[in-house]
PDB file of N, CA and C in Angstrom:
ATOM      1  N   UNK A   1      -3.197 -10.664 -15.772  1.00  0.00           N
ATOM      2  CA  UNK A   1      -4.389 -11.320 -15.286  1.00  0.00           C
ATOM      3  C   UNK A   1      -5.601 -10.590 -15.898  1.00  0.00           C
ATOM      4  N   UNK A   2      -6.220 -11.213 -16.840  1.00  0.00           N
ATOM      5  CA  UNK A   2      -7.396 -10.611 -17.504  1.00  0.00           C
ATOM      6  C   UNK A   2      -8.690 -11.275 -17.099  1.00  0.00           C
ATOM      7  N   UNK A   3      -8.634 -12.311 -16.300  1.00  0.00           N
ATOM      8  CA  UNK A   3      -9.822 -13.029 -15.879  1.00  0.00           C
ATOM      9  C   UNK A   3     -10.507 -12.300 -14.728  1.00  0.00           C
ATOM     10  N   UNK A   4     -11.722 -11.749 -14.961  1.00  0.00           N
ATOM     11  CA  UNK A   4     -12.432 -11.004 -13.915  1.00  0.00           C
ATOM     12  C   UNK A   4     -12.668 -11.848 -12.660  1.00  0.00           C
ATOM     13  N   UNK A   5     -12.865 -13.129 -12.823  1.00  0.00           N
ATOM     14  CA  UNK A   5     -13.112 -13.988 -11.646  1.00  0.00           C
ATOM     15  C   UNK A   5     -11.867 -14.149 -10.809  1.00  0.00           C
ATOM     16  N   UNK A   6     -10.704 -13.962 -11.362  1.00  0.00           N
ATOM     17  CA  UNK A   6      -9.467 -14.058 -10.626  1.00  0.00           C
ATOM     18  C   UNK A   6      -9.086 -12.728  -9.969  1.00  0.00           C
ATOM     19  N   UNK A   7      -9.654 -11.644 -10.471  1.00  0.00           N
ATOM     20  CA  UNK A   7      -9.304 -10.318  -9.946  1.00  0.00           C
ATOM     21  C   UNK A   7      -9.935 -10.066  -8.584  1.00  0.00           C
ATOM     22  N   UNK A   8     -11.184 -10.482  -8.400  1.00  0.00           N
ATOM     23  CA  UNK A   8     -11.863 -10.224  -7.124  1.00  0.00           C
ATOM     24  C   UNK A   8     -11.149 -10.852  -5.944  1.00  0.00           C
ATOM     25  N   UNK A   9     -10.713 -12.124  -6.010  1.00  0.00           N
ATOM     26  CA  UNK A   9      -9.989 -12.680  -4.876  1.00  0.00           C
ATOM     27  C   UNK A   9      -8.695 -11.937  -4.575  1.00  0.00           C
ATOM     28  N   UNK A  10      -8.029 -11.421  -5.593  1.00  0.00           N
ATOM     29  CA  UNK A  10      -6.803 -10.657  -5.381  1.00  0.00           C
ATOM     30  C   UNK A  10      -7.125  -9.312  -4.720  1.00  0.00           C
ATOM     31  N   UNK A  11      -8.205  -8.666  -5.120  1.00  0.00           N
ATOM     32  CA  UNK A  11      -8.637  -7.424  -4.470  1.00  0.00           C
ATOM     33  C   UNK A  11      -8.916  -7.690  -3.007  1.00  0.00           C
ATOM     34  N   UNK A  12      -9.625  -8.757  -2.714  1.00  0.00           N
ATOM     35  CA  UNK A  12      -9.977  -9.107  -1.346  1.00  0.00           C
ATOM     36  C   UNK A  12      -8.709  -9.413  -0.534  1.00  0.00           C
ATOM     37  N   UNK A  13      -7.784 -10.151  -1.104  1.00  0.00           N
ATOM     38  CA  UNK A  13      -6.549 -10.476  -0.427  1.00  0.00           C
ATOM     39  C   UNK A  13      -5.745  -9.237  -0.099  1.00  0.00           C
ATOM     40  N   UNK A  14      -5.662  -8.308  -1.045  1.00  0.00           N
ATOM     41  CA  UNK A  14      -4.916  -7.052  -0.796  1.00  0.00           C
ATOM     42  C   UNK A  14      -5.618  -6.215   0.273  1.00  0.00           C
ATOM     43  N   UNK A  15      -6.942  -6.112   0.183  1.00  0.00           N
ATOM     44  CA  UNK A  15      -7.704  -5.333   1.151  1.00  0.00           C
ATOM     45  C   UNK A  15      -7.534  -5.913   2.552  1.00  0.00           C
ATOM     46  N   UNK A  16      -7.638  -7.231   2.677  1.00  0.00           N
ATOM     47  CA  UNK A  16      -7.479  -7.861   3.988  1.00  0.00           C
ATOM     48  C   UNK A  16      -6.076  -7.690   4.516  1.00  0.00           C
ATOM     49  N   UNK A  17      -5.061  -7.759   3.656  1.00  0.00           N
ATOM     50  CA  UNK A  17      -3.673  -7.548   4.094  1.00  0.00           C
ATOM     51  C   UNK A  17      -3.547  -6.151   4.717  1.00  0.00           C
ATOM     52  N   UNK A  18      -4.003  -5.131   3.992  1.00  0.00           N
ATOM     53  CA  UNK A  18      -3.830  -3.768   4.494  1.00  0.00           C
ATOM     54  C   UNK A  18      -4.728  -3.475   5.685  1.00  0.00           C
ATOM     55  N   UNK A  19      -5.890  -4.087   5.733  1.00  0.00           N
ATOM     56  CA  UNK A  19      -6.766  -3.895   6.893  1.00  0.00           C
ATOM     57  C   UNK A  19      -6.173  -4.541   8.147  1.00  0.00           C
ATOM     58  N   UNK A  20      -5.563  -5.685   7.963  1.00  0.00           N
ATOM     59  CA  UNK A  20      -4.951  -6.394   9.094  1.00  0.00           C
ATOM     60  C   UNK A  20      -3.663  -5.700   9.509  1.00  0.00           C
ATOM     61  N   UNK A  21      -2.933  -5.126   8.575  1.00  0.00           N
ATOM     62  CA  UNK A  21      -1.659  -4.426   8.812  1.00  0.00           C
ATOM     63  C   UNK A  21      -1.876  -2.951   8.495  1.00  0.00           C
ATOM     64  N   UNK A  22      -2.671  -2.281   9.338  1.00  0.00           N
ATOM     65  CA  UNK A  22      -3.140  -0.930   9.029  1.00  0.00           C
ATOM     66  C   UNK A  22      -2.031   0.121   8.932  1.00  0.00           C
ATOM     67  N   UNK A  23      -0.840  -0.174   9.476  1.00  0.00           N
ATOM     68  CA  UNK A  23       0.233   0.789   9.425  1.00  0.00           C
ATOM     69  C   UNK A  23       1.320   0.366   8.431  1.00  0.00           C
ATOM     70  N   UNK A  24       0.996  -0.605   7.570  1.00  0.00           N
ATOM     71  CA  UNK A  24       1.924  -1.067   6.545  1.00  0.00           C
ATOM     72  C   UNK A  24       2.013  -0.080   5.407  1.00  0.00           C
ATOM     73  N   UNK A  25       3.183   0.126   4.912  1.00  0.00           N
ATOM     74  CA  UNK A  25       3.430   0.893   3.687  1.00  0.00           C
ATOM     75  C   UNK A  25       4.184  -0.018   2.757  1.00  0.00           C
ATOM     76  N   UNK A  26       3.596  -0.322   1.608  1.00  0.00           N
ATOM     77  CA  UNK A  26       4.160  -1.328   0.713  1.00  0.00           C
ATOM     78  C   UNK A  26       4.288  -0.834  -0.713  1.00  0.00           C
ATOM     79  N   UNK A  27       5.378  -1.234  -1.383  1.00  0.00           N
ATOM     80  CA  UNK A  27       5.497  -1.050  -2.809  1.00  0.00           C
ATOM     81  C   UNK A  27       4.882  -2.286  -3.476  1.00  0.00           C
ATOM     82  N   UNK A  28       4.706  -2.224  -4.774  1.00  0.00           N
ATOM     83  CA  UNK A  28       4.165  -3.392  -5.482  1.00  0.00           C
ATOM     84  C   UNK A  28       5.089  -4.591  -5.282  1.00  0.00           C
ATOM     85  N   UNK A  29       6.381  -4.380  -5.397  1.00  0.00           N
ATOM     86  CA  UNK A  29       7.345  -5.490  -5.226  1.00  0.00           C
ATOM     87  C   UNK A  29       7.311  -6.065  -3.822  1.00  0.00           C
ATOM     88  N   UNK A  30       7.231  -5.184  -2.826  1.00  0.00           N
ATOM     89  CA  UNK A  30       7.142  -5.649  -1.443  1.00  0.00           C
ATOM     90  C   UNK A  30       5.899  -6.461  -1.173  1.00  0.00           C
ATOM     91  N   UNK A  31       4.794  -5.957  -1.651  1.00  0.00           N
ATOM     92  CA  UNK A  31       3.509  -6.672  -1.466  1.00  0.00           C
ATOM     93  C   UNK A  31       3.529  -8.006  -2.225  1.00  0.00           C
ATOM     94  N   UNK A  32       4.151  -8.001  -3.393  1.00  0.00           N
ATOM     95  CA  UNK A  32       4.289  -9.212  -4.183  1.00  0.00           C
ATOM     96  C   UNK A  32       5.004 -10.293  -3.392  1.00  0.00           C
ATOM     97  N   UNK A  33       6.069  -9.935  -2.697  1.00  0.00           N
ATOM     98  CA  UNK A  33       6.809 -10.885  -1.870  1.00  0.00           C
ATOM     99  C   UNK A  33       5.996 -11.345  -0.680  1.00  0.00           C
ATOM    100  N   UNK A  34       5.315 -10.448  -0.032  1.00  0.00           N
ATOM    101  CA  UNK A  34       4.514 -10.806   1.148  1.00  0.00           C
ATOM    102  C   UNK A  34       3.349 -11.711   0.818  1.00  0.00           C
ATOM    103  N   UNK A  35       2.693 -11.455  -0.318  1.00  0.00           N
ATOM    104  CA  UNK A  35       1.482 -12.242  -0.676  1.00  0.00           C
ATOM    105  C   UNK A  35       1.821 -13.421  -1.569  1.00  0.00           C
ATOM    106  N   UNK A  36       3.039 -13.465  -2.079  1.00  0.00           N
ATOM    107  CA  UNK A  36       3.395 -14.541  -3.012  1.00  0.00           C
ATOM    108  C   UNK A  36       2.662 -14.429  -4.339  1.00  0.00           C
ATOM    109  N   UNK A  37       2.429 -13.225  -4.758  1.00  0.00           N
ATOM    110  CA  UNK A  37       1.680 -12.954  -5.991  1.00  0.00           C
ATOM    111  C   UNK A  37       2.599 -12.268  -7.025  1.00  0.00           C
ATOM    112  N   UNK A  38       2.182 -12.335  -8.282  1.00  0.00           N
ATOM    113  CA  UNK A  38       2.897 -11.705  -9.372  1.00  0.00           C
ATOM    114  C   UNK A  38       2.730 -10.187  -9.274  1.00  0.00           C
ATOM    115  N   UNK A  39       3.845  -9.445  -9.325  1.00  0.00           N
ATOM    116  CA  UNK A  39       3.781  -8.002  -9.207  1.00  0.00           C
ATOM    117  C   UNK A  39       2.932  -7.359 -10.321  1.00  0.00           C
ATOM    118  N   UNK A  40       3.033  -7.885 -11.516  1.00  0.00           N
ATOM    119  CA  UNK A  40       2.250  -7.351 -12.636  1.00  0.00           C
ATOM    120  C   UNK A  40       0.757  -7.489 -12.388  1.00  0.00           C
ATOM    121  N   UNK A  41       0.325  -8.559 -11.711  1.00  0.00           N
ATOM    122  CA  UNK A  41      -1.089  -8.744 -11.412  1.00  0.00           C
ATOM    123  C   UNK A  41      -1.540  -7.734 -10.345  1.00  0.00           C
ATOM    124  N   UNK A  42      -0.628  -7.386  -9.456  1.00  0.00           N
ATOM    125  CA  UNK A  42      -1.008  -6.489  -8.369  1.00  0.00           C
ATOM    126  C   UNK A  42      -1.198  -5.036  -8.782  1.00  0.00           C
ATOM    127  N   UNK A  43      -0.507  -4.601  -9.818  1.00  0.00           N
ATOM    128  CA  UNK A  43      -0.550  -3.183 -10.209  1.00  0.00           C
ATOM    129  C   UNK A  43      -1.962  -2.706 -10.468  1.00  0.00           C
ATOM    130  N   UNK A  44      -2.684  -3.379 -11.343  1.00  0.00           N
ATOM    131  CA  UNK A  44      -4.074  -2.943 -11.648  1.00  0.00           C
ATOM    132  C   UNK A  44      -4.974  -3.077 -10.453  1.00  0.00           C
ATOM    133  N   UNK A  45      -4.776  -4.116  -9.680  1.00  0.00           N
ATOM    134  CA  UNK A  45      -5.593  -4.326  -8.493  1.00  0.00           C
ATOM    135  C   UNK A  45      -5.387  -3.188  -7.490  1.00  0.00           C
ATOM    136  N   UNK A  46      -4.166  -2.816  -7.236  1.00  0.00           N
ATOM    137  CA  UNK A  46      -3.874  -1.740  -6.291  1.00  0.00           C
ATOM    138  C   UNK A  46      -4.403  -0.401  -6.813  1.00  0.00           C
ATOM    139  N   UNK A  47      -4.254  -0.142  -8.098  1.00  0.00           N
ATOM    140  CA  UNK A  47      -4.814   1.071  -8.683  1.00  0.00           C
ATOM    141  C   UNK A  47      -6.322   1.139  -8.515  1.00  0.00           C
ATOM    142  N   UNK A  48      -6.992  -0.015  -8.697  1.00  0.00           N
ATOM    143  CA  UNK A  48      -8.435  -0.075  -8.524  1.00  0.00           C
ATOM    144  C   UNK A  48      -8.832   0.225  -7.065  1.00  0.00           C
ATOM    145  N   UNK A  49      -8.075  -0.339  -6.129  1.00  0.00           N
ATOM    146  CA  UNK A  49      -8.362  -0.118  -4.706  1.00  0.00           C
ATOM    147  C   UNK A  49      -8.132   1.327  -4.322  1.00  0.00           C
ATOM    148  N   UNK A  50      -7.203   2.016  -4.979  1.00  0.00           N
ATOM    149  CA  UNK A  50      -6.986   3.450  -4.753  1.00  0.00           C
ATOM    150  C   UNK A  50      -8.212   4.222  -5.269  1.00  0.00           C
ATOM    151  N   UNK A  51      -8.723   3.844  -6.416  1.00  0.00           N
ATOM    152  CA  UNK A  51      -9.908   4.511  -6.980  1.00  0.00           C
ATOM    153  C   UNK A  51     -11.128   4.338  -6.087  1.00  0.00           C
ATOM    154  N   UNK A  52     -11.200   3.184  -5.403  1.00  0.00           N
ATOM    155  CA  UNK A  52     -12.300   2.890  -4.497  1.00  0.00           C
ATOM    156  C   UNK A  52     -12.113   3.547  -3.127  1.00  0.00           C
ATOM    157  N   UNK A  53     -10.978   4.230  -2.951  1.00  0.00           N
ATOM    158  CA  UNK A  53     -10.610   4.937  -1.692  1.00  0.00           C
ATOM    159  C   UNK A  53     -10.372   3.939  -0.544  1.00  0.00           C
ATOM    160  N   UNK A  54      -9.989   2.714  -0.877  1.00  0.00           N
ATOM    161  CA  UNK A  54      -9.630   1.738   0.131  1.00  0.00           C
ATOM    162  C   UNK A  54      -8.170   1.886   0.486  1.00  0.00           C
ATOM    163  N   UNK A  55      -7.345   2.221  -0.512  1.00  0.00           N
ATOM    164  CA  UNK A  55      -5.924   2.457  -0.307  1.00  0.00           C
ATOM    165  C   UNK A  55      -5.553   3.866  -0.723  1.00  0.00           C
ATOM    166  N   UNK A  56      -4.453   4.350  -0.163  1.00  0.00           N
ATOM    167  CA  UNK A  56      -3.862   5.618  -0.574  1.00  0.00           C
ATOM    168  C   UNK A  56      -2.544   5.281  -1.252  1.00  0.00           C
ATOM    169  N   UNK A  57      -2.124   6.106  -2.174  1.00  0.00           N
ATOM    170  CA  UNK A  57      -0.856   5.892  -2.860  1.00  0.00           C
ATOM    171  C   UNK A  57      -0.039   7.173  -2.806  1.00  0.00           C
ATOM    172  N   UNK A  58       1.253   7.011  -2.581  1.00  0.00           N
ATOM    173  CA  UNK A  58       2.199   8.118  -2.572  1.00  0.00           C
ATOM    174  C   UNK A  58       3.284   7.775  -3.574  1.00  0.00           C
ATOM    175  N   UNK A  59       3.454   8.590  -4.588  1.00  0.00           N
ATOM    176  CA  UNK A  59       4.447   8.329  -5.613  1.00  0.00           C
ATOM    177  C   UNK A  59       3.839   7.664  -6.836  1.00  0.00           C
ATOM    178  N   UNK A  60       4.705   7.345  -7.803  1.00  0.00           N
ATOM    179  CA  UNK A  60       4.252   6.762  -9.056  1.00  0.00           C
ATOM    180  C   UNK A  60       5.182   5.656  -9.498  1.00  0.00           C
ATOM    181  N   UNK A  61       4.670   4.798 -10.375  1.00  0.00           N
ATOM    182  CA  UNK A  61       5.487   3.754 -10.962  1.00  0.00           C
ATOM    183  C   UNK A  61       6.060   2.805  -9.913  1.00  0.00           C
ATOM    184  N   UNK A  62       7.337   2.415 -10.112  1.00  0.00           N
ATOM    185  CA  UNK A  62       7.973   1.478  -9.192  1.00  0.00           C
ATOM    186  C   UNK A  62       8.182   2.062  -7.806  1.00  0.00           C
ATOM    187  N   UNK A  63       8.163   3.399  -7.700  1.00  0.00           N
ATOM    188  CA  UNK A  63       8.358   4.049  -6.413  1.00  0.00           C
ATOM    189  C   UNK A  63       7.062   4.277  -5.643  1.00  0.00           C
ATOM    190  N   UNK A  64       5.924   3.884  -6.213  1.00  0.00           N
ATOM    191  CA  UNK A  64       4.651   4.094  -5.546  1.00  0.00           C
ATOM    192  C   UNK A  64       4.577   3.275  -4.271  1.00  0.00           C
ATOM    193  N   UNK A  65       4.101   3.905  -3.212  1.00  0.00           N
ATOM    194  CA  UNK A  65       3.933   3.244  -1.910  1.00  0.00           C
ATOM    195  C   UNK A  65       2.452   3.282  -1.549  1.00  0.00           C
ATOM    196  N   UNK A  66       1.917   2.124  -1.209  1.00  0.00           N
ATOM    197  CA  UNK A  66       0.490   2.011  -0.909  1.00  0.00           C
ATOM    198  C   UNK A  66       0.283   1.791   0.584  1.00  0.00           C
ATOM    199  N   UNK A  67      -0.798   2.344   1.102  1.00  0.00           N
ATOM    200  CA  UNK A  67      -1.156   2.143   2.504  1.00  0.00           C
ATOM    201  C   UNK A  67      -2.672   2.147   2.646  1.00  0.00           C
ATOM    202  N   UNK A  68      -3.146   1.636   3.764  1.00  0.00           N
ATOM    203  CA  UNK A  68      -4.578   1.526   4.026  1.00  0.00           C
ATOM    204  C   UNK A  68      -5.162   2.893   4.310  1.00  0.00           C
ATOM    205  N   UNK A  69      -6.335   3.145   3.777  1.00  0.00           N
ATOM    206  CA  UNK A  69      -7.045   4.401   4.025  1.00  0.00           C
ATOM    207  C   UNK A  69      -8.092   4.121   5.097  1.00  0.00           C
ATOM    208  N   UNK A  70      -7.809   4.597   6.311  1.00  0.00           N
ATOM    209  CA  UNK A  70      -8.725   4.370   7.434  1.00  0.00           C
ATOM    210  C   UNK A  70     -10.100   4.967   7.128  1.00  0.00           C
ATOM    211  N   UNK A  71     -11.172   4.174   7.291  1.00  0.00           N
ATOM    212  CA  UNK A  71     -12.507   4.737   7.032  1.00  0.00           C
ATOM    213  C   UNK A  71     -12.832   5.808   8.068  1.00  0.00           C
ATOM    214  N   UNK A  72     -13.555   6.776   7.635  1.00  0.00           N
ATOM    215  CA  UNK A  72     -13.987   7.854   8.553  1.00  0.00           C
ATOM    216  C   UNK A  72     -15.222   7.376   9.308  1.00  0.00           C
ATOM    217  N   UNK A  73     -15.117   7.397  10.624  1.00  0.00           N
ATOM    218  CA  UNK A  73     -16.238   6.962  11.472  1.00  0.00           C
ATOM    219  C   UNK A  73     -16.976   8.190  11.977  1.00  0.00           C
ATOM    220  N   UNK A  74     -18.277   8.114  11.932  1.00  0.00           N
ATOM    221  CA  UNK A  74     -19.124   9.210  12.419  1.00  0.00           C
ATOM    222  C   UNK A  74     -19.619   8.846  13.800  1.00  0.00           C
ATOM    223  N   UNK A  75     -19.482   9.766  14.735  1.00  0.00           N
ATOM    224  CA  UNK A  75     -19.995   9.496  16.069  1.00  0.00           C
ATOM    225  C   UNK A  75     -20.937  10.617  16.476  1.00  0.00           C
ATOM    226  N   UNK A  76     -21.703  10.360  17.485  1.00  0.00           N
ATOM    227  CA  UNK A  76     -22.644  11.372  17.976  1.00  0.00           C
ATOM    228  C   UNK A  76     -23.827  11.593  17.066  1.00  0.00           C
ATOM    229  N   UNK A  77     -24.335  10.526  16.481  1.00  0.00           N
ATOM    230  CA  UNK A  77     -25.497  10.656  15.601  1.00  0.00           C
ATOM    231  C   UNK A  77     -26.733  10.900  16.428  1.00  0.00           C
ATOM    232  N   UNK A  78     -27.508  11.918  16.086  1.00  0.00           N
ATOM    233  CA  UNK A  78     -28.738  12.219  16.803  1.00  0.00           C
ATOM    234  C   UNK A  78     -29.891  11.512  16.116  1.00  0.00           C
ATOM    235  N   UNK A  79     -30.677  10.793  16.920  1.00  0.00           N
ATOM    236  CA  UNK A  79     -31.794  10.028  16.376  1.00  0.00           C
ATOM    237  C   UNK A  79     -33.143  10.580  16.798  1.00  0.00           C
ATOM    238  N   UNK A  80     -33.192  11.849  17.115  1.00  0.00           N
ATOM    239  CA  UNK A  80     -34.415  12.484  17.551  1.00  0.00           C
ATOM    240  C   UNK A  80     -35.350  12.720  16.381  1.00  0.00           C
ATOM    241  N   UNK A  81     -36.607  12.260  16.530  1.00  0.00           N
ATOM    242  CA  UNK A  81     -37.576  12.398  15.470  1.00  0.00           C
ATOM    243  C   UNK A  81     -38.643  13.473  15.813  1.00  0.00           C
ATOM    244  N   UNK A  82     -38.526  14.049  16.994  1.00  0.00           N
ATOM    245  CA  UNK A  82     -39.513  15.037  17.435  1.00  0.00           C
ATOM    246  C   UNK A  82     -39.247  16.386  16.820  1.00  0.00           C
ATOM    247  N   UNK A  83     -40.348  17.099  16.521  1.00  0.00           N
ATOM    248  CA  UNK A  83     -40.221  18.471  15.994  1.00  0.00           C
ATOM    249  C   UNK A  83     -39.998  19.409  17.175  1.00  0.00           C
ATOM    250  N   UNK A  84     -39.191  20.431  16.952  1.00  0.00           N
ATOM    251  CA  UNK A  84     -38.931  21.399  18.011  1.00  0.00           C
ATOM    252  C   UNK A  84     -40.027  22.399  18.121  1.00  0.00           C
TER     253      UNK A  84
END
């Protein structure tokens, strides 16, 4: 898949899958079956999502397992504007 317009929907589909299934651990082949997508198309997309820190990967090649990277939430933000 070399068409940039076709890559974005696949990135979105993968992101939504992992966000909805936050505890899923998937190989490229497993995700290909679940999404009904070509495994070769998924490889570059998943690698890109790892670079964006949306997914984590454990392993390499056909043994690589991808999972959702939970965003870090900040709590207890102080909004005081007064000088001490």
